[in-house]
mmCIF file of all heavy atoms, coordinates in Angstrom:
data_MODEL
# 
_entry.id   MODEL 
# 
loop_
_atom_site.group_PDB 
_atom_site.id 
_atom_site.type_symbol 
_atom_site.label_atom_id 
_atom_site.label_alt_id 
_atom_site.label_comp_id 
_atom_site.label_asym_id 
_atom_site.label_entity_id 
_atom_site.label_seq_id 
_atom_site.pdbx_PDB_ins_code 
_atom_site.Cartn_x 
_atom_site.Cartn_y 
_atom_site.Cartn_z 
_atom_site.occupancy 
_atom_site.B_iso_or_equiv 
_atom_site.pdbx_formal_charge 
_atom_site.auth_seq_id 
_atom_site.auth_comp_id 
_atom_site.auth_asym_id 
_atom_site.auth_atom_id 
_atom_site.pdbx_PDB_model_num 
ATOM 1   N N   . PHE A 1 1  ? 2.947  3.169   2.878   1.00 0.00 ? 1  PHE A N   1 
ATOM 2   C CA  . PHE A 1 1  ? 2.001  3.083   1.862   1.00 0.00 ? 1  PHE A CA  1 
ATOM 3   C C   . PHE A 1 1  ? 1.639  4.569   1.354   1.00 0.00 ? 1  PHE A C   1 
ATOM 4   O O   . PHE A 1 1  ? 0.526  4.753   0.692   1.00 0.00 ? 1  PHE A O   1 
ATOM 5   C CB  . PHE A 1 1  ? 0.630  2.443   2.412   1.00 0.00 ? 1  PHE A CB  1 
ATOM 6   C CG  . PHE A 1 1  ? -0.184 1.973   1.412   1.00 0.00 ? 1  PHE A CG  1 
ATOM 7   C CD1 . PHE A 1 1  ? 0.171  1.015   0.545   1.00 0.00 ? 1  PHE A CD1 1 
ATOM 8   C CD2 . PHE A 1 1  ? -1.507 2.336   1.322   1.00 0.00 ? 1  PHE A CD2 1 
ATOM 9   C CE1 . PHE A 1 1  ? -0.641 0.443   -0.437  1.00 0.00 ? 1  PHE A CE1 1 
ATOM 10  C CE2 . PHE A 1 1  ? -2.422 1.757   0.343   1.00 0.00 ? 1  PHE A CE2 1 
ATOM 11  C CZ  . PHE A 1 1  ? -2.004 0.853   -0.576  1.00 0.00 ? 1  PHE A CZ  1 
ATOM 12  N N   . SER A 1 2  ? 2.634  5.484   1.318   1.00 0.00 ? 2  SER A N   1 
ATOM 13  C CA  . SER A 1 2  ? 2.324  6.791   0.803   1.00 0.00 ? 2  SER A CA  1 
ATOM 14  C C   . SER A 1 2  ? 2.086  6.746   -0.749  1.00 0.00 ? 2  SER A C   1 
ATOM 15  O O   . SER A 1 2  ? 1.174  7.264   -1.335  1.00 0.00 ? 2  SER A O   1 
ATOM 16  C CB  . SER A 1 2  ? 3.494  7.758   1.035   1.00 0.00 ? 2  SER A CB  1 
ATOM 17  O OG  . SER A 1 2  ? 3.636  7.930   2.355   1.00 0.00 ? 2  SER A OG  1 
ATOM 18  N N   . VAL A 1 3  ? 3.008  6.028   -1.484  1.00 0.00 ? 3  VAL A N   1 
ATOM 19  C CA  . VAL A 1 3  ? 2.836  5.857   -2.918  1.00 0.00 ? 3  VAL A CA  1 
ATOM 20  C C   . VAL A 1 3  ? 1.684  4.987   -3.260  1.00 0.00 ? 3  VAL A C   1 
ATOM 21  O O   . VAL A 1 3  ? 0.803  5.380   -4.164  1.00 0.00 ? 3  VAL A O   1 
ATOM 22  C CB  . VAL A 1 3  ? 4.184  5.243   -3.580  1.00 0.00 ? 3  VAL A CB  1 
ATOM 23  C CG1 . VAL A 1 3  ? 3.936  4.954   -5.015  1.00 0.00 ? 3  VAL A CG1 1 
ATOM 24  C CG2 . VAL A 1 3  ? 5.299  6.195   -3.243  1.00 0.00 ? 3  VAL A CG2 1 
ATOM 25  N N   . GLY A 1 4  ? 1.497  3.893   -2.650  1.00 0.00 ? 4  GLY A N   1 
ATOM 26  C CA  . GLY A 1 4  ? 0.307  3.041   -2.949  1.00 0.00 ? 4  GLY A CA  1 
ATOM 27  C C   . GLY A 1 4  ? -0.956 3.679   -2.714  1.00 0.00 ? 4  GLY A C   1 
ATOM 28  O O   . GLY A 1 4  ? -1.827 3.604   -3.539  1.00 0.00 ? 4  GLY A O   1 
ATOM 29  N N   . SER A 1 5  ? -1.133 4.418   -1.619  1.00 0.00 ? 5  SER A N   1 
ATOM 30  C CA  . SER A 1 5  ? -2.418 5.137   -1.426  1.00 0.00 ? 5  SER A CA  1 
ATOM 31  C C   . SER A 1 5  ? -2.725 6.290   -2.391  1.00 0.00 ? 5  SER A C   1 
ATOM 32  O O   . SER A 1 5  ? -3.836 6.489   -2.781  1.00 0.00 ? 5  SER A O   1 
ATOM 33  C CB  . SER A 1 5  ? -2.386 5.742   0.048   1.00 0.00 ? 5  SER A CB  1 
ATOM 34  O OG  . SER A 1 5  ? -1.516 6.811   0.258   1.00 0.00 ? 5  SER A OG  1 
ATOM 35  N N   . THR A 1 6  ? -1.593 6.833   -2.921  1.00 0.00 ? 6  THR A N   1 
ATOM 36  C CA  . THR A 1 6  ? -1.745 7.903   -3.800  1.00 0.00 ? 6  THR A CA  1 
ATOM 37  C C   . THR A 1 6  ? -2.373 7.355   -5.156  1.00 0.00 ? 6  THR A C   1 
ATOM 38  O O   . THR A 1 6  ? -3.245 7.745   -5.756  1.00 0.00 ? 6  THR A O   1 
ATOM 39  C CB  . THR A 1 6  ? -0.447 8.573   -4.232  1.00 0.00 ? 6  THR A CB  1 
ATOM 40  O OG1 . THR A 1 6  ? -0.053 9.281   -2.923  1.00 0.00 ? 6  THR A OG1 1 
ATOM 41  C CG2 . THR A 1 6  ? -0.547 9.670   -5.221  1.00 0.00 ? 6  THR A CG2 1 
ATOM 42  N N   . PHE A 1 7  ? -1.756 6.227   -5.606  1.00 0.00 ? 7  PHE A N   1 
ATOM 43  C CA  . PHE A 1 7  ? -2.300 5.550   -6.731  1.00 0.00 ? 7  PHE A CA  1 
ATOM 44  C C   . PHE A 1 7  ? -3.632 4.984   -6.565  1.00 0.00 ? 7  PHE A C   1 
ATOM 45  O O   . PHE A 1 7  ? -4.512 5.064   -7.495  1.00 0.00 ? 7  PHE A O   1 
ATOM 46  C CB  . PHE A 1 7  ? -1.351 4.350   -7.158  1.00 0.00 ? 7  PHE A CB  1 
ATOM 47  C CG  . PHE A 1 7  ? -0.113 4.816   -8.031  1.00 0.00 ? 7  PHE A CG  1 
ATOM 48  C CD1 . PHE A 1 7  ? 1.016  5.473   -7.353  1.00 0.00 ? 7  PHE A CD1 1 
ATOM 49  C CD2 . PHE A 1 7  ? -0.108 4.743   -9.385  1.00 0.00 ? 7  PHE A CD2 1 
ATOM 50  C CE1 . PHE A 1 7  ? 1.997  5.880   -8.096  1.00 0.00 ? 7  PHE A CE1 1 
ATOM 51  C CE2 . PHE A 1 7  ? 1.031  5.076   -10.154 1.00 0.00 ? 7  PHE A CE2 1 
ATOM 52  C CZ  . PHE A 1 7  ? 2.110  5.784   -9.530  1.00 0.00 ? 7  PHE A CZ  1 
ATOM 53  N N   . PHE A 1 8  ? -3.911 4.333   -5.379  1.00 0.00 ? 8  PHE A N   1 
ATOM 54  C CA  . PHE A 1 8  ? -5.189 3.777   -5.141  1.00 0.00 ? 8  PHE A CA  1 
ATOM 55  C C   . PHE A 1 8  ? -6.396 4.813   -5.144  1.00 0.00 ? 8  PHE A C   1 
ATOM 56  O O   . PHE A 1 8  ? -7.369 4.662   -5.825  1.00 0.00 ? 8  PHE A O   1 
ATOM 57  C CB  . PHE A 1 8  ? -5.119 3.106   -3.763  1.00 0.00 ? 8  PHE A CB  1 
ATOM 58  C CG  . PHE A 1 8  ? -6.474 2.442   -3.422  1.00 0.00 ? 8  PHE A CG  1 
ATOM 59  C CD1 . PHE A 1 8  ? -6.842 1.253   -4.024  1.00 0.00 ? 8  PHE A CD1 1 
ATOM 60  C CD2 . PHE A 1 8  ? -7.343 2.966   -2.433  1.00 0.00 ? 8  PHE A CD2 1 
ATOM 61  C CE1 . PHE A 1 8  ? -8.026 0.646   -3.723  1.00 0.00 ? 8  PHE A CE1 1 
ATOM 62  C CE2 . PHE A 1 8  ? -8.623 2.295   -2.134  1.00 0.00 ? 8  PHE A CE2 1 
ATOM 63  C CZ  . PHE A 1 8  ? -8.960 1.244   -2.708  1.00 0.00 ? 8  PHE A CZ  1 
ATOM 64  N N   . ARG A 1 9  ? -6.048 5.928   -4.556  1.00 0.00 ? 9  ARG A N   1 
ATOM 65  C CA  . ARG A 1 9  ? -6.975 6.970   -4.477  1.00 0.00 ? 9  ARG A CA  1 
ATOM 66  C C   . ARG A 1 9  ? -7.272 7.801   -5.822  1.00 0.00 ? 9  ARG A C   1 
ATOM 67  O O   . ARG A 1 9  ? -8.075 8.593   -5.979  1.00 0.00 ? 9  ARG A O   1 
ATOM 68  C CB  . ARG A 1 9  ? -6.626 8.016   -3.439  1.00 0.00 ? 9  ARG A CB  1 
ATOM 69  C CG  . ARG A 1 9  ? -6.678 7.455   -2.077  1.00 0.00 ? 9  ARG A CG  1 
ATOM 70  C CD  . ARG A 1 9  ? -6.111 8.319   -0.886  1.00 0.00 ? 9  ARG A CD  1 
ATOM 71  N NE  . ARG A 1 9  ? -6.569 9.701   -0.997  1.00 0.00 ? 9  ARG A NE  1 
ATOM 72  C CZ  . ARG A 1 9  ? -5.851 10.759  -0.879  1.00 0.00 ? 9  ARG A CZ  1 
ATOM 73  N NH1 . ARG A 1 9  ? -4.538 10.526  -0.761  1.00 0.00 ? 9  ARG A NH1 1 
ATOM 74  N NH2 . ARG A 1 9  ? -6.340 11.981  -0.934  1.00 0.00 ? 9  ARG A NH2 1 
ATOM 75  N N   . ASN A 1 10 ? -6.380 7.348   -6.861  1.00 0.00 ? 10 ASN A N   1 
ATOM 76  C CA  . ASN A 1 10 ? -6.553 7.911   -8.206  1.00 0.00 ? 10 ASN A CA  1 
ATOM 77  C C   . ASN A 1 10 ? -7.058 6.749   -9.164  1.00 0.00 ? 10 ASN A C   1 
ATOM 78  O O   . ASN A 1 10 ? -6.671 6.927   -10.357 1.00 0.00 ? 10 ASN A O   1 
ATOM 79  C CB  . ASN A 1 10 ? -5.276 8.617   -8.584  1.00 0.00 ? 10 ASN A CB  1 
ATOM 80  C CG  . ASN A 1 10 ? -5.183 10.000  -7.944  1.00 0.00 ? 10 ASN A CG  1 
ATOM 81  O OD1 . ASN A 1 10 ? -5.831 10.884  -8.376  1.00 0.00 ? 10 ASN A OD1 1 
ATOM 82  N ND2 . ASN A 1 10 ? -4.383 10.015  -6.950  1.00 0.00 ? 10 ASN A ND2 1 
ATOM 83  N N   . GLY A 1 11 ? -7.712 5.748   -8.686  1.00 0.00 ? 11 GLY A N   1 
ATOM 84  C CA  . GLY A 1 11 ? -8.317 4.838   -9.514  1.00 0.00 ? 11 GLY A CA  1 
ATOM 85  C C   . GLY A 1 11 ? -7.347 3.671   -9.936  1.00 0.00 ? 11 GLY A C   1 
ATOM 86  O O   . GLY A 1 11 ? -7.769 2.805   -10.765 1.00 0.00 ? 11 GLY A O   1 
ATOM 87  N N   . TRP A 1 12 ? -6.300 3.556   -9.406  1.00 0.00 ? 12 TRP A N   1 
ATOM 88  C CA  . TRP A 1 12 ? -5.419 2.354   -9.756  1.00 0.00 ? 12 TRP A CA  1 
ATOM 89  C C   . TRP A 1 12 ? -5.612 1.125   -8.836  1.00 0.00 ? 12 TRP A C   1 
ATOM 90  O O   . TRP A 1 12 ? -5.931 1.354   -7.700  1.00 0.00 ? 12 TRP A O   1 
ATOM 91  C CB  . TRP A 1 12 ? -3.915 2.750   -9.660  1.00 0.00 ? 12 TRP A CB  1 
ATOM 92  C CG  . TRP A 1 12 ? -3.420 3.596   -10.774 1.00 0.00 ? 12 TRP A CG  1 
ATOM 93  C CD1 . TRP A 1 12 ? -3.850 4.918   -11.008 1.00 0.00 ? 12 TRP A CD1 1 
ATOM 94  C CD2 . TRP A 1 12 ? -2.366 3.381   -11.704 1.00 0.00 ? 12 TRP A CD2 1 
ATOM 95  N NE1 . TRP A 1 12 ? -3.119 5.302   -12.176 1.00 0.00 ? 12 TRP A NE1 1 
ATOM 96  C CE2 . TRP A 1 12 ? -2.163 4.447   -12.550 1.00 0.00 ? 12 TRP A CE2 1 
ATOM 97  C CE3 . TRP A 1 12 ? -1.556 2.402   -11.794 1.00 0.00 ? 12 TRP A CE3 1 
ATOM 98  C CZ2 . TRP A 1 12 ? -1.263 4.507   -13.607 1.00 0.00 ? 12 TRP A CZ2 1 
ATOM 99  C CZ3 . TRP A 1 12 ? -0.556 2.360   -12.772 1.00 0.00 ? 12 TRP A CZ3 1 
ATOM 100 C CH2 . TRP A 1 12 ? -0.391 3.494   -13.654 1.00 0.00 ? 12 TRP A CH2 1 
ATOM 101 N N   . GLN A 1 13 ? -5.408 0.057   -9.313  1.00 0.00 ? 13 GLN A N   1 
ATOM 102 C CA  . GLN A 1 13 ? -5.379 -1.199  -8.473  1.00 0.00 ? 13 GLN A CA  1 
ATOM 103 C C   . GLN A 1 13 ? -4.048 -1.334  -7.901  1.00 0.00 ? 13 GLN A C   1 
ATOM 104 O O   . GLN A 1 13 ? -2.970 -1.012  -8.567  1.00 0.00 ? 13 GLN A O   1 
ATOM 105 C CB  . GLN A 1 13 ? -5.710 -2.383  -9.308  1.00 0.00 ? 13 GLN A CB  1 
ATOM 106 C CG  . GLN A 1 13 ? -5.882 -3.650  -8.425  1.00 0.00 ? 13 GLN A CG  1 
ATOM 107 C CD  . GLN A 1 13 ? -6.176 -4.829  -9.334  1.00 0.00 ? 13 GLN A CD  1 
ATOM 108 O OE1 . GLN A 1 13 ? -6.174 -4.823  -10.531 1.00 0.00 ? 13 GLN A OE1 1 
ATOM 109 N NE2 . GLN A 1 13 ? -6.504 -6.059  -8.710  1.00 0.00 ? 13 GLN A NE2 1 
ATOM 110 N N   . VAL A 1 14 ? -3.935 -1.589  -6.625  1.00 0.00 ? 14 VAL A N   1 
ATOM 111 C CA  . VAL A 1 14 ? -2.580 -1.662  -5.967  1.00 0.00 ? 14 VAL A CA  1 
ATOM 112 C C   . VAL A 1 14 ? -2.401 -3.044  -5.330  1.00 0.00 ? 14 VAL A C   1 
ATOM 113 O O   . VAL A 1 14 ? -3.307 -3.412  -4.602  1.00 0.00 ? 14 VAL A O   1 
ATOM 114 C CB  . VAL A 1 14 ? -2.446 -0.584  -4.826  1.00 0.00 ? 14 VAL A CB  1 
ATOM 115 C CG1 . VAL A 1 14 ? -1.187 -0.654  -4.186  1.00 0.00 ? 14 VAL A CG1 1 
ATOM 116 C CG2 . VAL A 1 14 ? -2.614 0.918   -5.532  1.00 0.00 ? 14 VAL A CG2 1 
ATOM 117 N N   . ILE A 1 15 ? -1.196 -3.562  -5.563  1.00 0.00 ? 15 ILE A N   1 
ATOM 118 C CA  . ILE A 1 15 ? -0.812 -4.813  -4.848  1.00 0.00 ? 15 ILE A CA  1 
ATOM 119 C C   . ILE A 1 15 ? 0.475  -4.509  -4.023  1.00 0.00 ? 15 ILE A C   1 
ATOM 120 O O   . ILE A 1 15 ? 1.335  -4.015  -4.577  1.00 0.00 ? 15 ILE A O   1 
ATOM 121 C CB  . ILE A 1 15 ? -0.436 -5.982  -5.908  1.00 0.00 ? 15 ILE A CB  1 
ATOM 122 C CG1 . ILE A 1 15 ? -1.737 -6.343  -6.674  1.00 0.00 ? 15 ILE A CG1 1 
ATOM 123 C CG2 . ILE A 1 15 ? -0.054 -7.212  -5.155  1.00 0.00 ? 15 ILE A CG2 1 
ATOM 124 C CD1 . ILE A 1 15 ? -1.406 -7.221  -7.929  1.00 0.00 ? 15 ILE A CD1 1 
ATOM 125 N N   . ALA A 1 16 ? 0.219  -4.587  -2.733  1.00 0.00 ? 16 ALA A N   1 
ATOM 126 C CA  . ALA A 1 16 ? 1.323  -4.120  -1.825  1.00 0.00 ? 16 ALA A CA  1 
ATOM 127 C C   . ALA A 1 16 ? 1.701  -5.228  -0.901  1.00 0.00 ? 16 ALA A C   1 
ATOM 128 O O   . ALA A 1 16 ? 0.907  -6.061  -0.438  1.00 0.00 ? 16 ALA A O   1 
ATOM 129 C CB  . ALA A 1 16 ? 0.874  -2.839  -1.131  1.00 0.00 ? 16 ALA A CB  1 
ATOM 130 N N   . ASN A 1 17 ? 2.901  -5.106  -0.447  1.00 0.00 ? 17 ASN A N   1 
ATOM 131 C CA  . ASN A 1 17 ? 3.572  -5.992  0.523   1.00 0.00 ? 17 ASN A CA  1 
ATOM 132 C C   . ASN A 1 17 ? 4.819  -5.251  1.154   1.00 0.00 ? 17 ASN A C   1 
ATOM 133 O O   . ASN A 1 17 ? 5.048  -4.259  0.745   1.00 0.00 ? 17 ASN A O   1 
ATOM 134 C CB  . ASN A 1 17 ? 3.960  -7.368  -0.152  1.00 0.00 ? 17 ASN A CB  1 
ATOM 135 C CG  . ASN A 1 17 ? 4.446  -8.362  0.856   1.00 0.00 ? 17 ASN A CG  1 
ATOM 136 O OD1 . ASN A 1 17 ? 3.773  -8.533  1.907   1.00 0.00 ? 17 ASN A OD1 1 
ATOM 137 N ND2 . ASN A 1 17 ? 5.504  -9.095  0.574   1.00 0.00 ? 17 ASN A ND2 1 
ATOM 138 N N   . ASP A 1 18 ? 5.080  -5.788  2.343   1.00 0.00 ? 18 ASP A N   1 
ATOM 139 C CA  . ASP A 1 18 ? 6.280  -5.255  2.967   1.00 0.00 ? 18 ASP A CA  1 
ATOM 140 C C   . ASP A 1 18 ? 6.847  -6.401  3.828   1.00 0.00 ? 18 ASP A C   1 
ATOM 141 O O   . ASP A 1 18 ? 6.200  -7.223  4.280   1.00 0.00 ? 18 ASP A O   1 
ATOM 142 C CB  . ASP A 1 18 ? 5.893  -4.074  3.911   1.00 0.00 ? 18 ASP A CB  1 
ATOM 143 C CG  . ASP A 1 18 ? 7.174  -3.210  4.218   1.00 0.00 ? 18 ASP A CG  1 
ATOM 144 O OD1 . ASP A 1 18 ? 7.469  -2.379  3.404   1.00 0.00 ? 18 ASP A OD1 1 
ATOM 145 O OD2 . ASP A 1 18 ? 7.818  -3.446  5.181   1.00 0.00 ? 18 ASP A OD2 1 
ATOM 146 N N   . TYR A 1 19 ? 8.191  -6.143  4.028   1.00 0.00 ? 19 TYR A N   1 
ATOM 147 C CA  . TYR A 1 19 ? 9.023  -7.132  4.805   1.00 0.00 ? 19 TYR A CA  1 
ATOM 148 C C   . TYR A 1 19 ? 8.553  -7.019  6.321   1.00 0.00 ? 19 TYR A C   1 
ATOM 149 O O   . TYR A 1 19 ? 8.504  -8.011  7.028   1.00 0.00 ? 19 TYR A O   1 
ATOM 150 C CB  . TYR A 1 19 ? 10.462 -6.834  4.674   1.00 0.00 ? 19 TYR A CB  1 
ATOM 151 C CG  . TYR A 1 19 ? 11.335 -7.836  5.577   1.00 0.00 ? 19 TYR A CG  1 
ATOM 152 C CD1 . TYR A 1 19 ? 11.504 -9.137  5.210   1.00 0.00 ? 19 TYR A CD1 1 
ATOM 153 C CD2 . TYR A 1 19 ? 11.912 -7.350  6.704   1.00 0.00 ? 19 TYR A CD2 1 
ATOM 154 C CE1 . TYR A 1 19 ? 12.295 -10.059 5.961   1.00 0.00 ? 19 TYR A CE1 1 
ATOM 155 C CE2 . TYR A 1 19 ? 12.798 -8.263  7.488   1.00 0.00 ? 19 TYR A CE2 1 
ATOM 156 C CZ  . TYR A 1 19 ? 12.906 -9.512  7.056   1.00 0.00 ? 19 TYR A CZ  1 
ATOM 157 O OH  . TYR A 1 19 ? 13.639 -10.442 7.777   1.00 0.00 ? 19 TYR A OH  1 
ATOM 158 N N   . ASN A 1 20 ? 8.275  -5.858  6.760   1.00 0.00 ? 20 ASN A N   1 
ATOM 159 C CA  . ASN A 1 20 ? 7.883  -5.610  8.262   1.00 0.00 ? 20 ASN A CA  1 
ATOM 160 C C   . ASN A 1 20 ? 6.437  -5.981  8.325   1.00 0.00 ? 20 ASN A C   1 
ATOM 161 O O   . ASN A 1 20 ? 5.600  -5.288  7.960   1.00 0.00 ? 20 ASN A O   1 
ATOM 162 C CB  . ASN A 1 20 ? 7.992  -4.028  8.549   1.00 0.00 ? 20 ASN A CB  1 
ATOM 163 C CG  . ASN A 1 20 ? 7.818  -3.797  9.869   1.00 0.00 ? 20 ASN A CG  1 
ATOM 164 O OD1 . ASN A 1 20 ? 6.856  -4.302  10.566  1.00 0.00 ? 20 ASN A OD1 1 
ATOM 165 N ND2 . ASN A 1 20 ? 8.556  -2.719  10.399  1.00 0.00 ? 20 ASN A ND2 1 
ATOM 166 N N   . ARG A 1 21 ? 6.286  -7.148  9.024   1.00 0.00 ? 21 ARG A N   1 
ATOM 167 C CA  . ARG A 1 21 ? 4.997  -7.730  9.124   1.00 0.00 ? 21 ARG A CA  1 
ATOM 168 C C   . ARG A 1 21 ? 4.064  -6.775  10.058  1.00 0.00 ? 21 ARG A C   1 
ATOM 169 O O   . ARG A 1 21 ? 2.789  -6.703  9.832   1.00 0.00 ? 21 ARG A O   1 
ATOM 170 C CB  . ARG A 1 21 ? 4.866  -9.099  9.687   1.00 0.00 ? 21 ARG A CB  1 
ATOM 171 C CG  . ARG A 1 21 ? 5.494  -9.178  11.225  1.00 0.00 ? 21 ARG A CG  1 
ATOM 172 C CD  . ARG A 1 21 ? 5.601  -10.572 11.627  1.00 0.00 ? 21 ARG A CD  1 
ATOM 173 N NE  . ARG A 1 21 ? 6.130  -10.748 12.957  1.00 0.00 ? 21 ARG A NE  1 
ATOM 174 C CZ  . ARG A 1 21 ? 5.564  -11.251 13.940  1.00 0.00 ? 21 ARG A CZ  1 
ATOM 175 N NH1 . ARG A 1 21 ? 4.477  -11.928 13.771  1.00 0.00 ? 21 ARG A NH1 1 
ATOM 176 N NH2 . ARG A 1 21 ? 6.118  -11.385 15.132  1.00 0.00 ? 21 ARG A NH2 1 
ATOM 177 N N   . TYR A 1 22 ? 4.590  -6.034  10.928  1.00 0.00 ? 22 TYR A N   1 
ATOM 178 C CA  . TYR A 1 22 ? 3.840  -5.150  11.683  1.00 0.00 ? 22 TYR A CA  1 
ATOM 179 C C   . TYR A 1 22 ? 3.200  -3.972  10.923  1.00 0.00 ? 22 TYR A C   1 
ATOM 180 O O   . TYR A 1 22 ? 2.042  -3.595  11.013  1.00 0.00 ? 22 TYR A O   1 
ATOM 181 C CB  . TYR A 1 22 ? 4.587  -4.607  12.885  1.00 0.00 ? 22 TYR A CB  1 
ATOM 182 C CG  . TYR A 1 22 ? 5.082  -5.810  13.806  1.00 0.00 ? 22 TYR A CG  1 
ATOM 183 C CD1 . TYR A 1 22 ? 6.319  -6.165  13.817  1.00 0.00 ? 22 TYR A CD1 1 
ATOM 184 C CD2 . TYR A 1 22 ? 4.248  -6.644  14.480  1.00 0.00 ? 22 TYR A CD2 1 
ATOM 185 C CE1 . TYR A 1 22 ? 6.892  -7.154  14.649  1.00 0.00 ? 22 TYR A CE1 1 
ATOM 186 C CE2 . TYR A 1 22 ? 4.579  -7.757  15.274  1.00 0.00 ? 22 TYR A CE2 1 
ATOM 187 C CZ  . TYR A 1 22 ? 5.884  -7.969  15.330  1.00 0.00 ? 22 TYR A CZ  1 
ATOM 188 O OH  . TYR A 1 22 ? 6.361  -8.954  16.006  1.00 0.00 ? 22 TYR A OH  1 
ATOM 189 N N   . THR A 1 23 ? 4.091  -3.365  10.147  1.00 0.00 ? 23 THR A N   1 
ATOM 190 C CA  . THR A 1 23 ? 3.540  -2.274  9.241   1.00 0.00 ? 23 THR A CA  1 
ATOM 191 C C   . THR A 1 23 ? 2.569  -2.796  8.379   1.00 0.00 ? 23 THR A C   1 
ATOM 192 O O   . THR A 1 23 ? 1.457  -2.208  8.176   1.00 0.00 ? 23 THR A O   1 
ATOM 193 C CB  . THR A 1 23 ? 4.758  -1.681  8.473   1.00 0.00 ? 23 THR A CB  1 
ATOM 194 O OG1 . THR A 1 23 ? 5.701  -1.180  9.370   1.00 0.00 ? 23 THR A OG1 1 
ATOM 195 C CG2 . THR A 1 23 ? 4.186  -0.588  7.516   1.00 0.00 ? 23 THR A CG2 1 
ATOM 196 N N   . TYR A 1 24 ? 2.790  -3.984  7.681   1.00 0.00 ? 24 TYR A N   1 
ATOM 197 C CA  . TYR A 1 24 ? 1.803  -4.566  6.797   1.00 0.00 ? 24 TYR A CA  1 
ATOM 198 C C   . TYR A 1 24 ? 0.487  -4.754  7.529   1.00 0.00 ? 24 TYR A C   1 
ATOM 199 O O   . TYR A 1 24 ? -0.663 -4.406  6.927   1.00 0.00 ? 24 TYR A O   1 
ATOM 200 C CB  . TYR A 1 24 ? 2.427  -5.807  6.219   1.00 0.00 ? 24 TYR A CB  1 
ATOM 201 C CG  . TYR A 1 24 ? 1.399  -6.575  5.304   1.00 0.00 ? 24 TYR A CG  1 
ATOM 202 C CD1 . TYR A 1 24 ? 1.256  -6.116  3.993   1.00 0.00 ? 24 TYR A CD1 1 
ATOM 203 C CD2 . TYR A 1 24 ? 0.561  -7.510  5.752   1.00 0.00 ? 24 TYR A CD2 1 
ATOM 204 C CE1 . TYR A 1 24 ? 0.256  -6.690  3.184   1.00 0.00 ? 24 TYR A CE1 1 
ATOM 205 C CE2 . TYR A 1 24 ? -0.249 -8.136  4.908   1.00 0.00 ? 24 TYR A CE2 1 
ATOM 206 C CZ  . TYR A 1 24 ? -0.467 -7.808  3.572   1.00 0.00 ? 24 TYR A CZ  1 
ATOM 207 O OH  . TYR A 1 24 ? -1.366 -8.364  2.857   1.00 0.00 ? 24 TYR A OH  1 
ATOM 208 N N   . ALA A 1 25 ? 0.533  -5.363  8.665   1.00 0.00 ? 25 ALA A N   1 
ATOM 209 C CA  . ALA A 1 25 ? -0.692 -5.702  9.486   1.00 0.00 ? 25 ALA A CA  1 
ATOM 210 C C   . ALA A 1 25 ? -1.457 -4.392  9.785   1.00 0.00 ? 25 ALA A C   1 
ATOM 211 O O   . ALA A 1 25 ? -2.746 -4.341  9.704   1.00 0.00 ? 25 ALA A O   1 
ATOM 212 C CB  . ALA A 1 25 ? -0.339 -6.417  10.799  1.00 0.00 ? 25 ALA A CB  1 
ATOM 213 N N   . LEU A 1 26 ? -0.738 -3.358  10.196  1.00 0.00 ? 26 LEU A N   1 
ATOM 214 C CA  . LEU A 1 26 ? -1.349 -2.006  10.478  1.00 0.00 ? 26 LEU A CA  1 
ATOM 215 C C   . LEU A 1 26 ? -2.081 -1.483  9.293   1.00 0.00 ? 26 LEU A C   1 
ATOM 216 O O   . LEU A 1 26 ? -3.120 -1.064  9.324   1.00 0.00 ? 26 LEU A O   1 
ATOM 217 C CB  . LEU A 1 26 ? -0.378 -1.045  11.021  1.00 0.00 ? 26 LEU A CB  1 
ATOM 218 C CG  . LEU A 1 26 ? -0.792 0.383   11.267  1.00 0.00 ? 26 LEU A CG  1 
ATOM 219 C CD1 . LEU A 1 26 ? -1.883 0.404   12.318  1.00 0.00 ? 26 LEU A CD1 1 
ATOM 220 C CD2 . LEU A 1 26 ? 0.408  1.285   11.555  1.00 0.00 ? 26 LEU A CD2 1 
# 
């Protein structure tokens, strides 16, 4: 989530997903 958090913290809306269910849950 490095890219997503960078956008989110700069006012963007972020829709994220990942194949790895454990990373996503964390």
